[in-house]
């Protein structure tokens, strides 16, 4: 990508998309195209077609999606499946129609089987059953990966799918009905600290292990990928029968129990963390193998303790304005 290349970031108001926009701007890219949901509904095929024909971007970061935590995924499978399928189909189809040079599709580590070997390698895709609580979302994202592979195979395009692990950072969603585990814990624990509560109840047993990556690190990885020399990028996209897929993570994980204690310590919460085993745990472990990305010279910069300190501080400040 050149500094004046026209770059469309779909989902620029979300956690991942906003981080990509910040990183692009810091890197000197000055021709970034964005649209809010109010201005462009990516589920509407006609609107997406009109947008692409008017703007004709050269590069696309597809970070738009309907996302949510375990409760939202479990209770709204129709929306998570149908809306994400529509977004992926519309954007990728119209990107091809106007000759986009490169497209990076952002998925999620939940695409992998529930009980696959750890750490999770890219080739483990479609080797076993999915986690039931986010099956609909995972299937939609798998379809997006396959759509990238199909276009590359049939039309010689350069569409790559990046699978980030659990992300957190500026612009995260702290709604307890829809958020992921880290922001949900931050909200609960900060509120308990302010209110002087004696305990915080956490869903599940606390035993599952999760990997967390700061959104700024994810954005750095995305830019590295989109700026690879042609031969390296084409090689990632042209994988034959395998998916054009690359994991984006940090390579280490932590139990939910230890995560809750780390947030509690950061927020100066002196009460007790109580676990509710009647609530679902989700997948026992999701640690990505990032050797493919690491071989390109990338590594994360933000330590989990530092990132959590930033999130806790920002949330506490905004929550009491």
Protein backbone atom coordinates (compact mmCIF):
# COMPACT_ATOMS: atom_id res chain seq x y z
CA UNK A 1 0.00 0.00 0.00
CA UNK A 2 1.20 3.50 -0.86
CA UNK A 3 0.50 6.55 1.27
CA UNK A 4 -2.17 7.74 -1.18
CA UNK A 5 -3.71 4.33 -1.90
CA UNK A 6 -7.47 4.34 -1.41
CA UNK A 7 -8.12 2.07 1.58
CA UNK A 8 -11.58 1.09 2.78
CA UNK A 9 -11.91 -0.02 6.40
CA UNK A 10 -15.28 -1.71 6.89
CA UNK A 11 -16.34 -1.55 10.52
CA UNK A 12 -14.15 1.42 11.43
CA UNK A 13 -16.14 2.22 14.57
CA UNK A 14 -15.59 -1.21 16.10
CA UNK A 15 -12.76 -2.41 18.30
CA UNK A 16 -10.72 -3.93 15.47
CA UNK A 17 -11.61 -1.46 12.74
CA UNK A 18 -10.89 1.62 14.83
CA UNK A 19 -7.47 0.23 15.76
CA UNK A 20 -6.68 -0.35 12.08
CA UNK A 21 -7.69 3.21 11.19
CA UNK A 22 -5.49 4.61 13.98
CA UNK A 23 -2.56 2.54 12.78
CA UNK A 24 -3.06 3.56 9.15
CA UNK A 25 -3.10 7.23 10.08
CA UNK A 26 0.00 6.92 12.25
CA UNK A 27 1.74 5.28 9.31
CA UNK A 28 0.97 8.17 6.98
CA UNK A 29 -1.88 6.74 4.91
CA UNK A 30 -4.07 9.68 3.95
CA UNK A 31 -6.76 8.25 1.70
CA UNK A 32 -8.83 6.17 4.13
CA UNK A 33 -12.49 5.58 3.28
CA UNK A 34 -14.98 4.85 6.06
CA UNK A 35 -18.75 4.71 6.43
CA UNK A 36 -20.83 4.45 9.59
CA UNK A 37 -23.63 1.91 9.78
CA UNK A 38 -26.12 4.80 9.44
CA UNK A 39 -24.49 5.81 6.15
CA UNK A 40 -23.93 2.31 4.74
CA UNK A 41 -25.72 -0.84 5.84
CA UNK A 42 -23.40 -3.66 4.76
CA UNK A 43 -26.29 -6.13 4.93
CA UNK A 44 -27.96 -4.26 2.05
CA UNK A 45 -26.43 -5.63 -1.14
CA UNK A 46 -27.62 -2.79 -3.37
CA UNK A 47 -26.14 -0.16 -1.06
CA UNK A 48 -22.81 -1.98 -0.88
CA UNK A 49 -22.72 -2.31 -4.67
CA UNK A 50 -23.35 1.42 -5.11
CA UNK A 51 -20.70 2.32 -2.53
CA UNK A 52 -17.99 0.22 -4.17
CA UNK A 53 -18.76 1.51 -7.65
CA UNK A 54 -18.59 5.12 -6.43
CA UNK A 55 -15.49 4.82 -4.22
CA UNK A 56 -13.55 2.02 -5.99
CA UNK A 57 -11.09 1.31 -3.15
CA UNK A 58 -7.77 -0.39 -3.92
CA UNK A 59 -7.41 -2.16 -0.56
CA UNK A 60 -10.04 -3.41 1.86
CA UNK A 61 -9.88 -4.31 5.54
CA UNK A 62 -13.08 -6.21 6.30
CA UNK A 63 -13.45 -5.74 10.06
CA UNK A 64 -17.23 -5.25 10.09
CA UNK A 65 -19.28 -7.91 11.84
CA UNK A 66 -22.03 -8.55 14.31
CA UNK A 67 -20.09 -9.53 17.42
CA UNK A 68 -20.82 -10.33 21.04
CA UNK A 69 -19.98 -12.47 24.03
CA UNK A 70 -21.21 -15.88 25.08
CA UNK A 71 -24.69 -14.67 26.09
CA UNK A 72 -25.38 -12.78 22.86
CA UNK A 73 -24.06 -15.65 20.72
CA UNK A 74 -26.14 -18.22 22.54
CA UNK A 75 -29.42 -16.27 22.43
CA UNK A 76 -29.25 -14.67 18.96
CA UNK A 77 -27.85 -17.34 16.61
CA UNK A 78 -30.07 -16.30 13.69
CA UNK A 79 -28.72 -12.74 13.68
CA UNK A 80 -25.12 -13.81 14.20
CA UNK A 81 -25.29 -16.23 11.28
CA UNK A 82 -27.42 -14.35 8.77
CA UNK A 83 -26.02 -10.84 9.28
CA UNK A 84 -22.38 -11.91 9.17
CA UNK A 85 -22.97 -14.04 6.07
CA UNK A 86 -24.58 -11.06 4.35
CA UNK A 87 -21.77 -8.65 5.28
CA UNK A 88 -19.06 -11.01 4.05
CA UNK A 89 -20.81 -11.88 0.80
CA UNK A 90 -21.66 -8.30 -0.08
CA UNK A 91 -18.26 -6.78 0.67
CA UNK A 92 -16.12 -9.53 -0.88
CA UNK A 93 -18.31 -9.80 -3.97
CA UNK A 94 -18.25 -6.07 -4.64
CA UNK A 95 -14.53 -5.84 -3.86
CA UNK A 96 -13.97 -8.33 -6.66
CA UNK A 97 -16.35 -6.46 -8.97
CA UNK A 98 -14.27 -3.26 -8.80
CA UNK A 99 -10.86 -4.95 -8.85
CA UNK A 100 -9.65 -4.44 -5.26
CA UNK A 101 -5.95 -5.37 -5.18
CA UNK A 102 -5.84 -6.92 -1.73
CA UNK A 103 -8.47 -7.73 0.88
CA UNK A 104 -7.92 -8.73 4.50
CA UNK A 105 -10.90 -10.49 6.09
CA UNK A 106 -10.92 -10.51 9.89
CA UNK A 107 -12.40 -13.56 11.52
CA UNK A 108 -12.07 -15.01 15.00
CA UNK A 109 -10.27 -17.82 16.77
CA UNK A 110 -13.69 -19.34 17.54
CA UNK A 111 -13.73 -20.81 14.01
CA UNK A 112 -11.60 -23.69 15.23
CA UNK A 113 -12.99 -26.92 16.72
CA UNK A 114 -13.90 -26.87 20.40
CA UNK A 115 -11.47 -29.60 21.42
CA UNK A 116 -8.66 -29.33 18.87
CA UNK A 117 -4.99 -29.71 19.91
CA UNK A 118 -3.24 -26.74 21.53
CA UNK A 119 -1.78 -24.45 20.40
CA UNK A 120 -4.18 -24.17 17.46
CA UNK A 121 -2.60 -24.33 14.02
CA UNK A 122 -4.30 -22.96 10.91
CA UNK A 123 -4.67 -26.45 9.43
CA UNK A 124 -6.93 -27.52 12.31
CA UNK A 125 -9.83 -25.67 10.67
CA UNK A 126 -12.82 -27.98 10.00
CA UNK A 127 -11.26 -30.96 11.79
CA UNK A 128 -13.89 -31.30 14.54
CA UNK A 129 -17.14 -30.01 16.10
CA UNK A 130 -17.47 -26.34 17.04
CA UNK A 131 -18.27 -24.89 20.45
CA UNK A 132 -22.08 -24.88 20.71
CA UNK A 133 -22.38 -21.44 22.33
CA UNK A 134 -20.91 -19.62 19.32
CA UNK A 135 -21.55 -22.12 16.55
CA UNK A 136 -23.59 -19.72 14.38
CA UNK A 137 -20.97 -16.95 14.50
CA UNK A 138 -18.15 -19.41 13.88
CA UNK A 139 -19.89 -20.92 10.86
CA UNK A 140 -20.41 -17.47 9.38
CA UNK A 141 -16.73 -16.66 9.78
CA UNK A 142 -15.72 -20.03 8.31
CA UNK A 143 -17.88 -19.21 5.30
CA UNK A 144 -16.00 -15.92 4.92
CA UNK A 145 -12.67 -17.75 4.94
CA UNK A 146 -13.96 -20.18 2.33
CA UNK A 147 -15.28 -17.32 0.20
CA UNK A 148 -11.79 -15.80 0.17
CA UNK A 149 -10.33 -19.18 -0.83
CA UNK A 150 -12.92 -19.64 -3.58
CA UNK A 151 -12.23 -16.22 -5.14
CA UNK A 152 -8.48 -16.80 -4.97
CA UNK A 153 -8.82 -20.22 -6.59
CA UNK A 154 -11.31 -19.27 -9.28
CA UNK A 155 -10.25 -15.72 -10.07
CA UNK A 156 -6.64 -15.39 -8.86
CA UNK A 157 -7.48 -12.71 -6.29
CA UNK A 158 -5.40 -11.82 -3.24
CA UNK A 159 -7.85 -12.19 -0.36
CA UNK A 160 -6.38 -13.23 2.97
CA UNK A 161 -8.20 -14.21 6.16
CA UNK A 162 -6.64 -13.20 9.48
CA UNK A 163 -7.94 -14.90 12.62
CA UNK A 164 -7.35 -12.74 15.70
CA UNK A 165 -7.55 -14.17 19.18
CA UNK A 166 -9.63 -12.42 21.86
CA UNK A 167 -9.11 -8.68 21.39
CA UNK A 168 -9.37 -5.84 23.89
CA UNK A 169 -8.47 -2.16 23.92
CA UNK A 170 -9.83 1.32 23.14
CA UNK A 171 -13.40 1.32 21.87
CA UNK A 172 -14.29 -2.01 23.45
CA UNK A 173 -17.91 -2.94 24.24
CA UNK A 174 -18.68 -2.96 27.97
CA UNK A 175 -22.37 -3.90 27.66
CA UNK A 176 -22.84 -6.90 29.94
CA UNK A 177 -25.43 -8.39 27.58
CA UNK A 178 -23.14 -8.31 24.53
CA UNK A 179 -19.51 -7.87 25.62
CA UNK A 180 -16.68 -10.39 25.68
CA UNK A 181 -15.17 -11.67 28.89
CA UNK A 182 -12.40 -9.11 29.50
CA UNK A 183 -14.48 -5.90 29.17
CA UNK A 184 -17.34 -7.56 31.04
CA UNK A 185 -15.02 -8.33 33.96
CA UNK A 186 -13.59 -4.81 33.88
CA UNK A 187 -17.08 -3.33 34.10
CA UNK A 188 -18.19 -5.62 36.92
CA UNK A 189 -15.03 -5.20 38.97
CA UNK A 190 -14.70 -1.43 38.55
CA UNK A 191 -18.36 -1.02 39.56
CA UNK A 192 -17.85 -3.28 42.57
CA UNK A 193 -14.80 -1.25 43.61
CA UNK A 194 -16.70 2.03 43.42
CA UNK A 195 -19.72 0.62 45.26
CA UNK A 196 -17.63 -1.10 47.94
CA UNK A 197 -19.15 -4.49 47.10
CA UNK A 198 -17.82 -7.54 48.90
CA UNK A 199 -17.87 -9.88 45.91
CA UNK A 200 -18.09 -10.11 42.12
CA UNK A 201 -19.79 -13.08 40.47
CA UNK A 202 -18.11 -14.44 37.33
CA UNK A 203 -19.77 -16.84 34.88
CA UNK A 204 -18.43 -20.40 34.77
CA UNK A 205 -15.78 -22.21 36.76
CA UNK A 206 -12.90 -19.86 36.00
CA UNK A 207 -10.89 -22.79 34.62
CA UNK A 208 -11.01 -22.10 30.85
CA UNK A 209 -7.88 -20.54 29.41
CA UNK A 210 -7.99 -17.62 27.00
CA UNK A 211 -5.45 -15.65 24.98
CA UNK A 212 -5.81 -11.86 24.85
CA UNK A 213 -4.30 -9.46 22.32
CA UNK A 214 -4.41 -5.68 22.45
CA UNK A 215 -6.23 -4.23 19.45
CA UNK A 216 -3.25 -2.00 18.60
CA UNK A 217 -1.06 -5.09 18.29
CA UNK A 218 -3.68 -6.70 16.06
CA UNK A 219 -3.68 -3.59 13.85
CA UNK A 220 0.12 -3.70 13.59
CA UNK A 221 -0.11 -7.29 12.41
CA UNK A 222 -2.79 -6.42 9.85
CA UNK A 223 -0.71 -3.63 8.35
CA UNK A 224 2.34 -5.85 8.19
CA UNK A 225 0.32 -8.44 6.27
CA UNK A 226 -1.19 -5.96 3.82
CA UNK A 227 2.23 -4.42 3.18
CA UNK A 228 4.04 -7.69 2.47
CA UNK A 229 5.90 -7.95 -0.84
CA UNK A 230 3.79 -9.45 -3.61
CA UNK A 231 5.49 -12.84 -3.56
CA UNK A 232 4.94 -13.32 0.18
CA UNK A 233 1.34 -12.11 0.13
CA UNK A 234 0.47 -14.26 -2.89
CA UNK A 235 1.99 -17.27 -1.17
CA UNK A 236 -0.23 -16.74 1.88
CA UNK A 237 -3.30 -16.45 -0.37
CA UNK A 238 -2.44 -19.31 -2.73
CA UNK A 239 -2.60 -22.29 -0.39
CA UNK A 240 -4.13 -24.85 -2.74
CA UNK A 241 -6.70 -26.93 -0.87
CA UNK A 242 -5.92 -25.18 2.43
CA UNK A 243 -7.56 -21.96 3.56
CA UNK A 244 -5.77 -18.61 2.97
CA UNK A 245 -5.60 -18.24 6.72
CA UNK A 246 -3.20 -16.79 9.29
CA UNK A 247 -3.52 -16.66 13.07
CA UNK A 248 -3.03 -13.37 14.92
CA UNK A 249 -2.35 -13.78 18.63
CA UNK A 250 0.28 -13.37 21.31
CA UNK A 251 1.17 -17.01 21.95
CA UNK A 252 0.34 -17.09 25.68
CA UNK A 253 -2.89 -17.57 27.62
CA UNK A 254 -4.37 -17.18 31.10
CA UNK A 255 -7.23 -18.77 33.04
CA UNK A 256 -10.40 -16.74 33.49
CA UNK A 257 -9.83 -16.96 37.23
CA UNK A 258 -6.35 -15.44 36.95
CA UNK A 259 -7.66 -12.81 34.53
CA UNK A 260 -10.33 -11.78 37.04
CA UNK A 261 -7.74 -11.54 39.81
CA UNK A 262 -5.43 -9.46 37.60
CA UNK A 263 -8.25 -7.02 36.82
CA UNK A 264 -9.27 -6.93 40.48
CA UNK A 265 -5.72 -6.11 41.54
CA UNK A 266 -5.45 -3.40 38.86
CA UNK A 267 -8.78 -1.86 39.91
CA UNK A 268 -7.92 -2.08 43.63
CA UNK A 269 -10.87 -4.35 44.31
CA UNK A 270 -10.44 -5.98 47.71
CA UNK A 271 -13.53 -8.18 47.67
CA UNK A 272 -13.95 -11.81 46.65
CA UNK A 273 -14.22 -13.26 43.15
CA UNK A 274 -17.02 -15.86 43.12
CA UNK A 275 -17.55 -18.26 40.23
CA UNK A 276 -20.97 -19.51 39.11
CA UNK A 277 -20.51 -23.03 37.69
CA UNK A 278 -24.15 -23.15 36.55
CA UNK A 279 -23.19 -20.74 33.78
CA UNK A 280 -21.42 -21.98 30.62
CA UNK A 281 -17.63 -22.04 30.38
CA UNK A 282 -17.39 -22.16 26.59
CA UNK A 283 -14.37 -23.74 24.93
CA UNK A 284 -11.88 -25.14 27.50
CA UNK A 285 -8.87 -23.53 25.82
CA UNK A 286 -8.15 -21.40 22.76
CA UNK A 287 -4.44 -20.70 22.32
CA UNK A 288 -3.34 -19.87 18.79
CA UNK A 289 -0.16 -21.10 17.18
CA UNK A 290 1.31 -17.88 15.74
CA UNK A 291 4.45 -19.35 14.19
CA UNK A 292 3.28 -18.44 10.67
CA UNK A 293 2.87 -14.77 11.63
CA UNK A 294 6.02 -14.73 13.77
CA UNK A 295 8.05 -16.00 10.82
CA UNK A 296 7.19 -12.74 9.04
CA UNK A 297 8.97 -10.77 11.78
CA UNK A 298 5.96 -9.78 13.90
CA UNK A 299 5.55 -9.92 17.66
CA UNK A 300 3.12 -8.19 20.06
CA UNK A 301 4.27 -5.09 21.95
CA UNK A 302 1.62 -4.60 24.67
CA UNK A 303 1.87 -6.80 27.76
CA UNK A 304 -1.46 -7.99 29.17
CA UNK A 305 -0.89 -6.29 32.53
CA UNK A 306 -0.13 -2.98 30.79
CA UNK A 307 -3.11 -3.26 28.48
CA UNK A 308 -5.49 -4.08 31.31
CA UNK A 309 -4.20 -1.10 33.29
CA UNK A 310 -5.02 1.15 30.30
CA UNK A 311 -8.51 -0.34 29.90
CA UNK A 312 -9.36 -0.14 33.60
CA UNK A 313 -8.18 3.46 33.82
CA UNK A 314 -10.08 4.55 30.71
CA UNK A 315 -13.28 2.74 31.69
CA UNK A 316 -13.22 4.07 35.25
CA UNK A 317 -12.71 7.62 33.98
CA UNK A 318 -15.55 7.40 31.43
CA UNK A 319 -17.96 5.56 33.72
CA UNK A 320 -18.04 8.39 36.24
CA UNK A 321 -18.30 11.42 33.97
